[in-house]
All heavy atoms as atom14 arrays in JSON, in Angstrom:
{
  "sequence": "TRADFYVGRGKKSEWLGSIAWDGYPSGIPESIRDCRTE",
  "atom14_mask": [
    [1, 1, 1, 1, 1, 1, 1, 0, 0, 0, 0, 0, 0, 0],
    [1, 1, 1, 1, 1, 1, 1, 1, 1, 1, 1, 0, 0, 0],
    [1, 1, 1, 1, 1, 0, 0, 0, 0, 0, 0, 0, 0, 0],
    [1, 1, 1, 1, 1, 1, 1, 1, 0, 0, 0, 0, 0, 0],
    [1, 1, 1, 1, 1, 1, 1, 1, 1, 1, 1, 0, 0, 0],
    [1, 1, 1, 1, 1, 1, 1, 1, 1, 1, 1, 1, 0, 0],
    [1, 1, 1, 1, 1, 1, 1, 0, 0, 0, 0, 0, 0, 0],
    [1, 1, 1, 1, 0, 0, 0, 0, 0, 0, 0, 0, 0, 0],
    [1, 1, 1, 1, 1, 1, 1, 1, 1, 1, 1, 0, 0, 0],
    [1, 1, 1, 1, 0, 0, 0, 0, 0, 0, 0, 0, 0, 0],
    [1, 1, 1, 1, 1, 1, 1, 1, 1, 0, 0, 0, 0, 0],
    [1, 1, 1, 1, 1, 1, 1, 1, 1, 0, 0, 0, 0, 0],
    [1, 1, 1, 1, 1, 1, 0, 0, 0, 0, 0, 0, 0, 0],
    [1, 1, 1, 1, 1, 1, 1, 1, 1, 0, 0, 0, 0, 0],
    [1, 1, 1, 1, 1, 1, 1, 1, 1, 1, 1, 1, 1, 1],
    [1, 1, 1, 1, 1, 1, 1, 1, 0, 0, 0, 0, 0, 0],
    [1, 1, 1, 1, 0, 0, 0, 0, 0, 0, 0, 0, 0, 0],
    [1, 1, 1, 1, 1, 1, 0, 0, 0, 0, 0, 0, 0, 0],
    [1, 1, 1, 1, 1, 1, 1, 1, 0, 0, 0, 0, 0, 0],
    [1, 1, 1, 1, 1, 0, 0, 0, 0, 0, 0, 0, 0, 0],
    [1, 1, 1, 1, 1, 1, 1, 1, 1, 1, 1, 1, 1, 1],
    [1, 1, 1, 1, 1, 1, 1, 1, 0, 0, 0, 0, 0, 0],
    [1, 1, 1, 1, 0, 0, 0, 0, 0, 0, 0, 0, 0, 0],
    [1, 1, 1, 1, 1, 1, 1, 1, 1, 1, 1, 1, 0, 0],
    [1, 1, 1, 1, 1, 1, 1, 0, 0, 0, 0, 0, 0, 0],
    [1, 1, 1, 1, 1, 1, 0, 0, 0, 0, 0, 0, 0, 0],
    [1, 1, 1, 1, 0, 0, 0, 0, 0, 0, 0, 0, 0, 0],
    [1, 1, 1, 1, 1, 1, 1, 1, 0, 0, 0, 0, 0, 0],
    [1, 1, 1, 1, 1, 1, 1, 0, 0, 0, 0, 0, 0, 0],
    [1, 1, 1, 1, 1, 1, 1, 1, 1, 0, 0, 0, 0, 0],
    [1, 1, 1, 1, 1, 1, 0, 0, 0, 0, 0, 0, 0, 0],
    [1, 1, 1, 1, 1, 1, 1, 1, 0, 0, 0, 0, 0, 0],
    [1, 1, 1, 1, 1, 1, 1, 1, 1, 1, 1, 0, 0, 0],
    [1, 1, 1, 1, 1, 1, 1, 1, 0, 0, 0, 0, 0, 0],
    [1, 1, 1, 1, 1, 1, 0, 0, 0, 0, 0, 0, 0, 0],
    [1, 1, 1, 1, 1, 1, 1, 1, 1, 1, 1, 0, 0, 0],
    [1, 1, 1, 1, 1, 1, 1, 0, 0, 0, 0, 0, 0, 0],
    [1, 1, 1, 1, 1, 1, 1, 1, 1, 0, 0, 0, 0, 0]
  ],
  "atom14_positions": [
    [[79.67, 104.95, 99.72], [79.84, 103.63, 99.83], [81.35, 103.34, 99.54], [81.73, 103.38, 98.37], [78.94, 102.86, 98.82], [77.59, 103.23, 99.07], [79.06, 101.39, 99.04], [0.0, 0.0, 0.0], [0.0, 0.0, 0.0], [0.0, 0.0, 0.0], [0.0, 0.0, 0.0], [0.0, 0.0, 0.0], [0.0, 0.0, 0.0], [0.0, 0.0, 0.0]],
    [[82.11, 102.95, 100.57], [83.57, 102.91, 100.37], [83.96, 101.5, 99.92], [83.31, 100.47, 100.28], [84.2, 103.16, 101.72], [84.0, 104.63, 102.17], [84.38, 104.83, 103.57], [84.09, 106.16, 104.11], [83.02, 106.54, 104.57], [82.0, 105.78, 104.81], [82.94, 107.85, 104.97], [0.0, 0.0, 0.0], [0.0, 0.0, 0.0], [0.0, 0.0, 0.0]],
    [[85.12, 101.37, 99.24], [85.61, 100.11, 98.78], [87.12, 100.17, 98.84], [87.73, 101.13, 98.53], [85.12, 99.82, 97.42], [0.0, 0.0, 0.0], [0.0, 0.0, 0.0], [0.0, 0.0, 0.0], [0.0, 0.0, 0.0], [0.0, 0.0, 0.0], [0.0, 0.0, 0.0], [0.0, 0.0, 0.0], [0.0, 0.0, 0.0], [0.0, 0.0, 0.0]],
    [[87.68, 98.95, 99.12], [89.17, 98.8, 99.18], [89.38, 97.7, 98.09], [88.67, 96.8, 98.04], [89.62, 98.31, 100.62], [89.32, 99.38, 101.71], [89.37, 100.49, 101.37], [89.03, 98.88, 102.77], [0.0, 0.0, 0.0], [0.0, 0.0, 0.0], [0.0, 0.0, 0.0], [0.0, 0.0, 0.0], [0.0, 0.0, 0.0], [0.0, 0.0, 0.0]],
    [[90.59, 97.76, 97.54], [91.05, 96.87, 96.46], [92.32, 96.19, 96.94], [93.26, 96.9, 97.35], [91.15, 97.54, 95.14], [89.92, 98.08, 94.58], [89.48, 99.36, 95.02], [89.09, 97.43, 93.72], [88.33, 99.88, 94.58], [87.87, 97.9, 93.37], [87.5, 99.09, 93.72], [0.0, 0.0, 0.0], [0.0, 0.0, 0.0], [0.0, 0.0, 0.0]],
    [[92.47, 94.84, 96.74], [93.54, 94.04, 97.16], [93.95, 93.02, 96.17], [93.16, 92.58, 95.3], [93.31, 93.26, 98.44], [93.02, 94.12, 99.64], [91.73, 94.59, 100.06], [94.09, 94.48, 100.57], [91.56, 95.37, 101.17], [93.83, 95.18, 101.69], [92.61, 95.65, 101.95], [92.44, 96.34, 103.12], [0.0, 0.0, 0.0], [0.0, 0.0, 0.0]],
    [[95.17, 92.55, 96.36], [95.65, 91.32, 95.73], [95.83, 90.4, 96.89], [96.62, 90.77, 97.84], [96.91, 91.47, 94.76], [97.47, 90.05, 94.49], [96.6, 92.28, 93.67], [0.0, 0.0, 0.0], [0.0, 0.0, 0.0], [0.0, 0.0, 0.0], [0.0, 0.0, 0.0], [0.0, 0.0, 0.0], [0.0, 0.0, 0.0], [0.0, 0.0, 0.0]],
    [[95.2, 89.29, 96.86], [95.29, 88.23, 97.95], [94.33, 88.6, 99.16], [93.61, 89.48, 98.99], [0.0, 0.0, 0.0], [0.0, 0.0, 0.0], [0.0, 0.0, 0.0], [0.0, 0.0, 0.0], [0.0, 0.0, 0.0], [0.0, 0.0, 0.0], [0.0, 0.0, 0.0], [0.0, 0.0, 0.0], [0.0, 0.0, 0.0], [0.0, 0.0, 0.0]],
    [[94.41, 87.71, 100.02], [93.44, 87.9, 101.25], [94.19, 87.78, 102.54], [95.21, 87.13, 102.54], [92.31, 86.79, 101.23], [91.52, 87.04, 99.97], [90.29, 86.0, 99.95], [89.43, 86.41, 101.09], [88.35, 85.83, 101.24], [87.86, 84.82, 100.51], [87.53, 86.13, 102.28], [0.0, 0.0, 0.0], [0.0, 0.0, 0.0], [0.0, 0.0, 0.0]],
    [[93.65, 88.23, 103.57], [94.27, 88.15, 104.93], [95.46, 89.04, 105.14], [95.59, 90.06, 104.41], [0.0, 0.0, 0.0], [0.0, 0.0, 0.0], [0.0, 0.0, 0.0], [0.0, 0.0, 0.0], [0.0, 0.0, 0.0], [0.0, 0.0, 0.0], [0.0, 0.0, 0.0], [0.0, 0.0, 0.0], [0.0, 0.0, 0.0], [0.0, 0.0, 0.0]],
    [[96.19, 88.7, 106.21], [97.3, 89.56, 106.61], [98.36, 89.79, 105.52], [99.19, 90.73, 105.54], [97.93, 89.08, 107.86], [96.88, 89.17, 109.0], [97.55, 88.85, 110.31], [96.42, 88.85, 111.41], [96.86, 89.47, 112.61], [0.0, 0.0, 0.0], [0.0, 0.0, 0.0], [0.0, 0.0, 0.0], [0.0, 0.0, 0.0], [0.0, 0.0, 0.0]],
    [[98.5, 88.83, 104.61], [99.61, 88.97, 103.52], [99.05, 89.59, 102.28], [99.78, 89.65, 101.32], [100.15, 87.6, 103.29], [100.85, 87.0, 104.41], [101.55, 85.7, 104.11], [102.39, 85.24, 105.28], [103.09, 84.09, 105.04], [0.0, 0.0, 0.0], [0.0, 0.0, 0.0], [0.0, 0.0, 0.0], [0.0, 0.0, 0.0], [0.0, 0.0, 0.0]],
    [[97.8, 90.11, 102.33], [97.3, 90.73, 101.1], [98.0, 92.12, 100.83], [98.58, 92.7, 101.75], [95.75, 90.88, 101.22], [95.59, 91.83, 102.32], [0.0, 0.0, 0.0], [0.0, 0.0, 0.0], [0.0, 0.0, 0.0], [0.0, 0.0, 0.0], [0.0, 0.0, 0.0], [0.0, 0.0, 0.0], [0.0, 0.0, 0.0], [0.0, 0.0, 0.0]],
    [[97.92, 92.46, 99.58], [98.5, 93.78, 99.16], [97.42, 94.73, 98.83], [96.48, 94.48, 98.03], [99.37, 93.68, 97.9], [100.03, 94.91, 97.48], [100.81, 94.73, 96.14], [100.93, 93.58, 95.71], [101.17, 95.8, 95.63], [0.0, 0.0, 0.0], [0.0, 0.0, 0.0], [0.0, 0.0, 0.0], [0.0, 0.0, 0.0], [0.0, 0.0, 0.0]],
    [[97.34, 95.78, 99.6], [96.3, 96.91, 99.42], [96.77, 97.67, 98.18], [97.82, 98.18, 98.1], [96.21, 97.73, 100.65], [95.26, 98.92, 100.5], [94.0, 98.93, 100.03], [95.69, 100.29, 100.69], [93.46, 100.2, 100.14], [94.57, 101.04, 100.44], [96.88, 100.97, 101.07], [94.59, 102.44, 100.63], [96.86, 102.28, 101.23], [95.8, 103.04, 100.98]],
    [[95.81, 97.86, 97.17], [96.09, 98.53, 95.96], [95.49, 100.0, 95.96], [96.0, 100.8, 95.2], [95.55, 97.78, 94.69], [95.97, 96.48, 94.44], [95.37, 95.86, 93.28], [97.54, 96.45, 94.37], [0.0, 0.0, 0.0], [0.0, 0.0, 0.0], [0.0, 0.0, 0.0], [0.0, 0.0, 0.0], [0.0, 0.0, 0.0], [0.0, 0.0, 0.0]],
    [[94.46, 100.2, 96.84], [93.96, 101.55, 96.9], [92.43, 101.41, 97.38], [91.83, 100.28, 97.49], [0.0, 0.0, 0.0], [0.0, 0.0, 0.0], [0.0, 0.0, 0.0], [0.0, 0.0, 0.0], [0.0, 0.0, 0.0], [0.0, 0.0, 0.0], [0.0, 0.0, 0.0], [0.0, 0.0, 0.0], [0.0, 0.0, 0.0], [0.0, 0.0, 0.0]],
    [[91.8, 102.52, 97.42], [90.48, 102.69, 97.99], [89.59, 103.79, 97.21], [90.26, 104.69, 96.71], [90.41, 102.93, 99.46], [91.15, 101.92, 100.23], [0.0, 0.0, 0.0], [0.0, 0.0, 0.0], [0.0, 0.0, 0.0], [0.0, 0.0, 0.0], [0.0, 0.0, 0.0], [0.0, 0.0, 0.0], [0.0, 0.0, 0.0], [0.0, 0.0, 0.0]],
    [[88.32, 103.64, 97.34], [87.44, 104.67, 96.83], [86.49, 105.13, 97.89], [86.12, 104.22, 98.68], [86.72, 104.39, 95.48], [85.91, 103.13, 95.63], [87.81, 104.25, 94.4], [85.01, 102.84, 94.42], [0.0, 0.0, 0.0], [0.0, 0.0, 0.0], [0.0, 0.0, 0.0], [0.0, 0.0, 0.0], [0.0, 0.0, 0.0], [0.0, 0.0, 0.0]],
    [[86.04, 106.31, 97.93], [85.15, 106.78, 98.98], [83.69, 106.78, 98.52], [82.74, 106.86, 99.46], [85.43, 108.14, 99.44], [0.0, 0.0, 0.0], [0.0, 0.0, 0.0], [0.0, 0.0, 0.0], [0.0, 0.0, 0.0], [0.0, 0.0, 0.0], [0.0, 0.0, 0.0], [0.0, 0.0, 0.0], [0.0, 0.0, 0.0], [0.0, 0.0, 0.0]],
    [[83.41, 106.62, 97.32], [82.0, 106.73, 96.8], [81.71, 105.62, 95.73], [82.54, 105.31, 95.02], [81.79, 108.11, 95.97], [82.04, 109.29, 96.99], [83.16, 109.98, 97.08], [81.09, 109.75, 97.92], [83.02, 110.91, 98.05], [81.72, 110.9, 98.58], [79.77, 109.43, 98.3], [81.09, 111.59, 99.59], [79.25, 110.16, 99.28], [79.84, 111.2, 99.92]],
    [[80.5, 105.16, 95.76], [80.03, 104.2, 94.77], [80.82, 102.86, 94.73], [81.22, 102.4, 93.66], [80.04, 104.81, 93.31], [79.13, 106.08, 93.28], [78.12, 106.12, 94.0], [79.38, 106.92, 92.43], [0.0, 0.0, 0.0], [0.0, 0.0, 0.0], [0.0, 0.0, 0.0], [0.0, 0.0, 0.0], [0.0, 0.0, 0.0], [0.0, 0.0, 0.0]],
    [[81.15, 102.42, 95.83], [81.85, 101.21, 95.95], [81.11, 99.92, 95.93], [81.69, 98.83, 95.94], [0.0, 0.0, 0.0], [0.0, 0.0, 0.0], [0.0, 0.0, 0.0], [0.0, 0.0, 0.0], [0.0, 0.0, 0.0], [0.0, 0.0, 0.0], [0.0, 0.0, 0.0], [0.0, 0.0, 0.0], [0.0, 0.0, 0.0], [0.0, 0.0, 0.0]],
    [[79.84, 99.99, 95.76], [78.96, 98.83, 95.7], [79.39, 98.08, 94.42], [79.86, 98.63, 93.38], [77.47, 99.24, 95.75], [77.12, 100.46, 94.96], [76.82, 100.32, 93.56], [77.13, 101.71, 95.56], [76.64, 101.39, 92.82], [76.83, 102.79, 94.78], [76.49, 102.7, 93.37], [76.24, 103.79, 92.7], [0.0, 0.0, 0.0], [0.0, 0.0, 0.0]],
    [[78.95, 96.69, 94.34], [79.35, 95.94, 93.19], [78.99, 96.51, 91.71], [79.86, 96.51, 90.86], [78.77, 94.59, 93.41], [78.7, 94.59, 94.82], [78.35, 95.99, 95.29], [0.0, 0.0, 0.0], [0.0, 0.0, 0.0], [0.0, 0.0, 0.0], [0.0, 0.0, 0.0], [0.0, 0.0, 0.0], [0.0, 0.0, 0.0], [0.0, 0.0, 0.0]],
    [[77.86, 97.08, 91.63], [77.44, 97.63, 90.28], [78.22, 98.95, 90.03], [78.19, 99.34, 88.85], [75.88, 97.86, 90.28], [75.53, 98.89, 91.22], [0.0, 0.0, 0.0], [0.0, 0.0, 0.0], [0.0, 0.0, 0.0], [0.0, 0.0, 0.0], [0.0, 0.0, 0.0], [0.0, 0.0, 0.0], [0.0, 0.0, 0.0], [0.0, 0.0, 0.0]],
    [[78.82, 99.51, 90.97], [79.68, 100.71, 90.69], [81.11, 100.4, 90.25], [81.92, 101.2, 89.82], [0.0, 0.0, 0.0], [0.0, 0.0, 0.0], [0.0, 0.0, 0.0], [0.0, 0.0, 0.0], [0.0, 0.0, 0.0], [0.0, 0.0, 0.0], [0.0, 0.0, 0.0], [0.0, 0.0, 0.0], [0.0, 0.0, 0.0], [0.0, 0.0, 0.0]],
    [[81.49, 99.05, 90.29], [82.79, 98.66, 89.94], [82.77, 98.1, 88.48], [81.92, 97.3, 88.18], [83.35, 97.4, 90.85], [83.25, 97.94, 92.28], [84.72, 97.03, 90.47], [83.96, 99.22, 92.69], [0.0, 0.0, 0.0], [0.0, 0.0, 0.0], [0.0, 0.0, 0.0], [0.0, 0.0, 0.0], [0.0, 0.0, 0.0], [0.0, 0.0, 0.0]],
    [[83.63, 98.63, 87.6], [83.58, 98.24, 86.21], [83.78, 96.78, 85.99], [84.49, 96.14, 86.74], [84.82, 98.99, 85.64], [85.07, 100.0, 86.53], [84.67, 99.58, 87.92], [0.0, 0.0, 0.0], [0.0, 0.0, 0.0], [0.0, 0.0, 0.0], [0.0, 0.0, 0.0], [0.0, 0.0, 0.0], [0.0, 0.0, 0.0], [0.0, 0.0, 0.0]],
    [[83.02, 96.21, 84.91], [83.28, 94.93, 84.51], [84.72, 94.59, 84.31], [85.12, 93.39, 84.45], [82.36, 94.54, 83.4], [80.88, 94.38, 83.77], [80.05, 93.93, 82.54], [80.48, 93.1, 81.75], [78.96, 94.54, 82.36], [0.0, 0.0, 0.0], [0.0, 0.0, 0.0], [0.0, 0.0, 0.0], [0.0, 0.0, 0.0], [0.0, 0.0, 0.0]],
    [[85.39, 95.47, 83.75], [86.82, 95.2, 83.41], [87.61, 94.81, 84.69], [88.62, 94.12, 84.54], [87.51, 96.47, 82.82], [87.4, 97.56, 83.74], [0.0, 0.0, 0.0], [0.0, 0.0, 0.0], [0.0, 0.0, 0.0], [0.0, 0.0, 0.0], [0.0, 0.0, 0.0], [0.0, 0.0, 0.0], [0.0, 0.0, 0.0], [0.0, 0.0, 0.0]],
    [[87.17, 95.2, 85.86], [87.81, 94.71, 86.98], [87.17, 93.46, 87.53], [87.97, 92.51, 87.88], [87.67, 95.82, 88.25], [88.51, 97.0, 87.79], [88.1, 95.25, 89.55], [88.3, 98.19, 88.73], [0.0, 0.0, 0.0], [0.0, 0.0, 0.0], [0.0, 0.0, 0.0], [0.0, 0.0, 0.0], [0.0, 0.0, 0.0], [0.0, 0.0, 0.0]],
    [[85.92, 93.3, 87.54], [85.17, 92.18, 88.13], [85.48, 90.92, 87.25], [85.38, 89.89, 87.79], [83.68, 92.5, 88.17], [83.35, 93.55, 89.16], [81.83, 93.71, 89.39], [81.32, 94.62, 88.19], [80.31, 94.22, 87.47], [79.53, 93.23, 87.72], [79.96, 95.08, 86.54], [0.0, 0.0, 0.0], [0.0, 0.0, 0.0], [0.0, 0.0, 0.0]],
    [[85.8, 91.12, 85.88], [85.94, 89.92, 85.13], [87.37, 89.55, 84.98], [87.69, 88.67, 84.05], [85.34, 90.23, 83.75], [83.85, 90.35, 83.78], [83.26, 89.91, 84.8], [83.26, 90.84, 82.78], [0.0, 0.0, 0.0], [0.0, 0.0, 0.0], [0.0, 0.0, 0.0], [0.0, 0.0, 0.0], [0.0, 0.0, 0.0], [0.0, 0.0, 0.0]],
    [[88.39, 90.16, 85.56], [89.78, 89.81, 85.37], [90.07, 88.39, 85.79], [89.51, 87.82, 86.74], [90.73, 90.76, 86.24], [90.67, 92.44, 85.69], [0.0, 0.0, 0.0], [0.0, 0.0, 0.0], [0.0, 0.0, 0.0], [0.0, 0.0, 0.0], [0.0, 0.0, 0.0], [0.0, 0.0, 0.0], [0.0, 0.0, 0.0], [0.0, 0.0, 0.0]],
    [[90.86, 87.77, 84.96], [91.28, 86.39, 85.16], [92.7, 86.2, 85.59], [93.16, 85.09, 85.87], [91.03, 85.53, 83.99], [89.47, 85.51, 83.52], [88.66, 84.64, 84.55], [87.24, 84.7, 84.23], [86.33, 85.15, 85.01], [86.7, 85.54, 86.2], [85.05, 85.16, 84.64], [0.0, 0.0, 0.0], [0.0, 0.0, 0.0], [0.0, 0.0, 0.0]],
    [[93.52, 87.39, 85.4], [94.85, 87.23, 85.78], [95.23, 88.44, 86.77], [94.6, 89.53, 86.76], [95.9, 87.38, 84.62], [95.75, 88.64, 84.1], [95.57, 86.37, 83.5], [0.0, 0.0, 0.0], [0.0, 0.0, 0.0], [0.0, 0.0, 0.0], [0.0, 0.0, 0.0], [0.0, 0.0, 0.0], [0.0, 0.0, 0.0], [0.0, 0.0, 0.0]],
    [[96.19, 88.18, 87.69], [96.56, 89.19, 88.58], [97.13, 90.45, 87.83], [96.78, 91.63, 88.3], [97.69, 88.66, 89.54], [98.1, 89.72, 90.58], [99.18, 89.12, 91.44], [99.17, 87.99, 91.7], [99.99, 89.96, 91.98], [0.0, 0.0, 0.0], [0.0, 0.0, 0.0], [0.0, 0.0, 0.0], [0.0, 0.0, 0.0], [0.0, 0.0, 0.0]]
  ]
}
């Protein structure tokens, strides 16, 4: 289950990286999901 990580959306977004396994929401740490600052 692949996942890509970005800052921003659309054509001006910045790609930060990707993972090839366990990309579903429960596989992403709360430390990422709960961030309030860029």
